[in-house]
Amino acid sequence: MSDRERLHHLIDDLPDFRLSSALALLEPLSVQEDEVDSETQAFLAAARTEMAEPLSVAEFRRRYRF
């Protein structure tokens, strides 16, 4: 099963009260990068890089003052 098919199944199985949350999470992912300015593209690139790096609990607390 492809990722797209798996995603469709997950969405189909969501209870109604979860749909607005799923939409809020997924909708920004559908924006094409050529539709955003260079500053936003740089921000997205940095976020993708940061997502790939593991973050310890201590580093999380330091970085986000948690």
Protein backbone atom coordinates (compact mmCIF):
# COMPACT_ATOMS: atom_id res chain seq x y z
CA MET A 1 0.00 0.00 0.00
CA SER A 2 1.38 3.40 -0.94
CA ASP A 3 1.80 6.26 1.52
CA ARG A 4 -1.05 8.08 -0.22
CA GLU A 5 -3.35 5.08 0.21
CA ARG A 6 -2.37 4.70 3.86
CA LEU A 7 -3.06 8.39 4.45
CA HIS A 8 -6.46 8.11 2.77
CA HIS A 9 -7.34 5.16 5.01
CA LEU A 10 -6.24 7.04 8.13
CA ILE A 11 -8.35 10.05 7.21
CA ASP A 12 -11.36 7.89 6.35
CA ASP A 13 -11.11 6.24 9.78
CA LEU A 14 -10.88 9.49 11.77
CA PRO A 15 -13.81 10.34 14.01
CA ASP A 16 -15.63 13.54 13.01
CA PHE A 17 -14.33 15.51 15.99
CA ARG A 18 -10.72 14.96 14.79
CA LEU A 19 -11.25 16.20 11.22
CA SER A 20 -10.66 19.90 11.91
CA SER A 21 -7.39 19.09 13.70
CA ALA A 22 -6.24 16.89 10.82
CA LEU A 23 -7.13 19.59 8.33
CA ALA A 24 -5.19 22.20 10.32
CA LEU A 25 -2.14 19.93 10.31
CA LEU A 26 -2.31 18.84 6.69
CA GLU A 27 -3.41 21.98 4.89
CA PRO A 28 -0.10 23.86 5.28
CA LEU A 29 1.70 20.86 3.77
CA SER A 30 -0.21 21.28 0.51
CA VAL A 31 1.28 24.71 -0.22
CA GLN A 32 3.66 24.54 -3.16
CA GLU A 33 7.07 26.00 -2.39
CA ASP A 34 7.01 28.10 -5.54
CA GLU A 35 3.97 29.89 -4.06
CA VAL A 36 5.90 31.20 -1.04
CA ASP A 37 8.54 33.91 -0.81
CA SER A 38 12.24 33.24 -0.35
CA GLU A 39 12.16 34.08 3.38
CA THR A 40 9.47 31.46 3.99
CA GLN A 41 11.35 28.93 1.84
CA ALA A 42 14.46 29.49 3.98
CA PHE A 43 12.40 29.04 7.15
CA LEU A 44 10.93 25.77 5.81
CA ALA A 45 14.38 24.48 4.84
CA ALA A 46 15.71 25.23 8.33
CA ALA A 47 12.70 23.54 9.92
CA ARG A 48 13.21 20.41 7.81
CA THR A 49 16.86 20.27 8.83
CA GLU A 50 15.97 20.74 12.49
CA MET A 51 13.31 18.02 12.30
CA ALA A 52 15.96 15.55 11.14
CA GLU A 53 18.12 16.17 14.20
CA PRO A 54 17.31 14.33 17.44
CA LEU A 55 16.69 16.64 20.37
CA SER A 56 17.36 15.63 23.96
CA VAL A 57 14.94 16.60 26.70
CA ALA A 58 17.58 18.89 28.23
CA GLU A 59 18.16 20.63 24.89
CA PHE A 60 14.40 20.99 24.36
CA ARG A 61 14.00 22.62 27.76
CA ARG A 62 16.93 24.95 27.14
CA ARG A 63 15.85 25.90 23.63
CA TYR A 64 12.18 26.46 24.45
CA ARG A 65 12.57 27.55 28.10
CA PHE A 66 10.27 24.76 29.18
